[in-house]
N, C-alpha and C. Protein backbone atom coordinates (compact mmCIF):
# COMPACT_ATOMS: atom_id res chain seq x y z
N UNK A 1 110.71 20.86 137.05
CA UNK A 1 110.53 22.97 136.65
C UNK A 1 108.91 23.03 137.52
N UNK A 2 108.22 22.42 137.43
CA UNK A 2 106.94 22.79 138.35
C UNK A 2 106.99 22.71 139.82
N UNK A 3 107.59 21.57 140.01
CA UNK A 3 107.68 21.65 141.53
C UNK A 3 109.18 22.44 142.12
N UNK A 4 109.40 22.75 141.48
CA UNK A 4 110.67 24.04 141.86
C UNK A 4 109.98 25.40 142.01
N UNK A 5 109.18 25.43 141.09
CA UNK A 5 108.28 27.07 141.17
C UNK A 5 107.33 26.54 142.50
N UNK A 6 106.97 25.27 143.17
CA UNK A 6 105.74 25.59 144.39
C UNK A 6 106.48 25.49 145.37
N UNK A 7 107.57 24.55 145.40
CA UNK A 7 108.17 24.87 146.42
C UNK A 7 109.47 26.48 146.46
N UNK A 8 109.60 27.13 145.74
CA UNK A 8 109.83 28.85 145.65
C UNK A 8 108.57 29.61 146.10
N UNK A 9 107.44 29.23 145.82
CA UNK A 9 106.13 29.83 146.01
C UNK A 9 105.92 29.81 147.58
N UNK A 10 106.09 28.99 148.11
CA UNK A 10 106.10 28.32 149.56
C UNK A 10 106.67 29.06 150.49
N UNK A 11 108.19 29.06 150.05
CA UNK A 11 109.33 29.22 150.78
C UNK A 11 109.35 30.92 150.56
N UNK A 12 108.64 31.39 149.22
CA UNK A 12 108.30 33.37 149.78
C UNK A 12 107.00 33.59 150.50
N UNK A 13 106.21 32.78 150.75
CA UNK A 13 105.35 32.74 151.38
C UNK A 13 105.33 32.95 152.61
N UNK A 14 106.37 32.07 153.11
CA UNK A 14 106.52 31.64 155.00
C UNK A 14 107.23 32.94 154.85
N UNK A 15 108.43 33.53 154.38
CA UNK A 15 109.18 34.23 154.35
C UNK A 15 108.61 35.25 154.52
N UNK A 16 107.69 35.40 153.24
CA UNK A 16 106.97 37.01 153.83
C UNK A 16 105.97 37.14 155.21
N UNK A 17 105.81 36.07 155.51
CA UNK A 17 104.41 35.44 156.34
C UNK A 17 105.92 36.31 158.26
N UNK A 18 107.18 35.30 158.05
CA UNK A 18 107.84 35.94 159.01
C UNK A 18 108.21 37.17 159.16
N UNK A 19 108.65 37.92 157.72
CA UNK A 19 108.69 39.48 157.61
C UNK A 19 106.93 40.08 158.58
N UNK A 20 106.00 39.79 157.70
CA UNK A 20 105.18 40.44 158.93
C UNK A 20 105.35 40.55 160.15
N UNK A 21 105.17 39.03 160.40
CA UNK A 21 104.78 39.08 162.20
C UNK A 21 105.79 39.56 162.82
N UNK A 22 107.41 40.07 162.11
CA UNK A 22 108.59 40.68 163.09
C UNK A 22 108.06 42.36 162.94
N UNK A 23 107.50 42.19 162.35
CA UNK A 23 107.56 44.05 161.28
C UNK A 23 106.00 44.75 162.63
N UNK A 24 104.80 43.23 162.65
CA UNK A 24 103.69 43.09 163.27
C UNK A 24 104.28 43.60 165.24
N UNK A 25 105.40 42.82 165.63
CA UNK A 25 106.03 42.57 166.60
C UNK A 25 107.31 43.94 166.60
N UNK A 26 107.43 44.99 165.90
CA UNK A 26 108.16 46.00 165.88
C UNK A 26 109.20 45.96 166.86
N UNK A 27 110.40 44.56 166.21
CA UNK A 27 111.62 43.90 165.71
C UNK A 27 111.84 44.04 164.65
N UNK A 28 112.68 45.08 164.04
CA UNK A 28 113.25 45.15 162.81
C UNK A 28 114.29 45.11 163.12
N UNK A 29 115.29 44.43 162.81
CA UNK A 29 115.83 44.19 162.80
C UNK A 29 116.84 42.41 161.84
N UNK A 30 117.93 41.96 162.49
CA UNK A 30 118.53 40.48 161.68
C UNK A 30 117.21 40.21 161.27
N UNK A 31 116.39 39.68 162.45
CA UNK A 31 115.56 38.75 162.53
C UNK A 31 114.06 39.34 160.96
N UNK A 32 114.31 40.70 160.47
CA UNK A 32 113.50 40.97 159.29
C UNK A 32 114.43 40.96 157.77
N UNK A 33 116.00 40.85 158.63
CA UNK A 33 116.69 41.32 157.04
C UNK A 33 116.77 39.60 156.32
N UNK A 34 117.46 38.73 157.10
CA UNK A 34 117.90 37.62 156.36
C UNK A 34 116.77 37.13 155.62
N UNK A 35 115.42 36.71 156.08
CA UNK A 35 114.16 36.68 155.11
C UNK A 35 114.36 37.44 153.86
N UNK A 36 114.04 39.04 154.29
CA UNK A 36 114.21 39.82 153.24
C UNK A 36 115.73 39.39 152.38
N UNK A 37 116.53 38.95 152.03
CA UNK A 37 116.96 38.36 151.50
C UNK A 37 117.36 37.53 151.26
N UNK A 38 116.46 36.50 151.55
CA UNK A 38 116.13 35.16 151.25
C UNK A 38 115.16 35.03 149.91
N UNK A 39 113.95 35.73 150.30
CA UNK A 39 112.85 36.21 149.40
C UNK A 39 113.60 37.10 148.23
N UNK A 40 114.41 37.99 148.16
CA UNK A 40 115.04 38.75 146.77
C UNK A 40 116.11 36.74 146.35
N UNK A 41 116.48 36.10 146.83
CA UNK A 41 117.78 35.53 146.01
C UNK A 41 116.50 34.34 145.19
N UNK A 42 115.24 33.95 146.04
CA UNK A 42 114.50 33.25 145.67
C UNK A 42 114.21 33.78 144.01
N UNK A 43 114.02 34.80 144.20
CA UNK A 43 112.70 35.44 143.31
C UNK A 43 113.92 35.56 141.72
N UNK A 44 115.09 36.21 142.12
CA UNK A 44 116.09 36.21 141.04
C UNK A 44 116.02 35.32 140.74
N UNK A 45 116.17 33.86 141.53
CA UNK A 45 116.86 32.14 140.48
C UNK A 45 115.58 31.89 139.80
N UNK A 46 114.52 32.10 140.20
CA UNK A 46 112.89 31.82 139.37
C UNK A 46 113.27 32.99 138.37
N UNK A 47 113.59 33.89 138.32
CA UNK A 47 114.26 34.65 137.17
C UNK A 47 114.93 33.47 136.08
N UNK A 48 115.64 33.50 136.65
CA UNK A 48 117.13 32.67 135.72
C UNK A 48 116.30 31.06 135.48
N UNK A 49 114.99 30.76 135.98
CA UNK A 49 114.54 29.43 135.32
C UNK A 49 113.46 29.62 134.24
N UNK A 50 112.90 30.66 134.48
CA UNK A 50 112.17 30.88 133.33
C UNK A 50 112.75 31.25 132.12
N UNK A 51 113.85 31.80 132.10
CA UNK A 51 114.62 31.89 130.36
C UNK A 51 115.22 30.56 130.27
N UNK A 52 116.04 29.99 131.20
CA UNK A 52 116.12 28.73 131.00
C UNK A 52 114.97 27.56 130.51
N UNK A 53 113.74 27.73 130.76
CA UNK A 53 112.44 27.18 130.19
C UNK A 53 112.41 27.63 128.85
N UNK A 54 112.60 29.14 128.66
CA UNK A 54 112.25 29.34 127.09
C UNK A 54 112.75 29.12 126.27
N UNK A 55 114.82 28.21 126.62
CA UNK A 55 115.21 28.43 125.60
C UNK A 55 114.71 26.76 125.40
N UNK A 56 114.51 25.56 126.69
CA UNK A 56 114.73 24.28 125.87
C UNK A 56 112.88 24.02 125.88
N UNK A 57 112.19 25.34 125.27
CA UNK A 57 110.77 25.37 124.94
C UNK A 57 111.16 24.98 123.21
N UNK A 58 112.43 26.07 122.99
CA UNK A 58 112.73 26.57 121.76
C UNK A 58 113.17 24.70 121.13
C-alpha cells in the first residue's frame, strides 16, 4: 500500500510539472488535458485505496 502511494505521488508530481510547463509555453490543448485526466484518475484511485485500507485495519 505504501509503495502504491509513493508511485501515485510521483506520477501526480510529474503530471503537474507537465501541465505547468505546457501552460508556461502557452500551449493549452491536448498536451495539457491528458495529464489533467491522468491526475484526476490517480487521485480518485487513491481515495478508493484509503477506504480499502480502513476496512483492512478493522
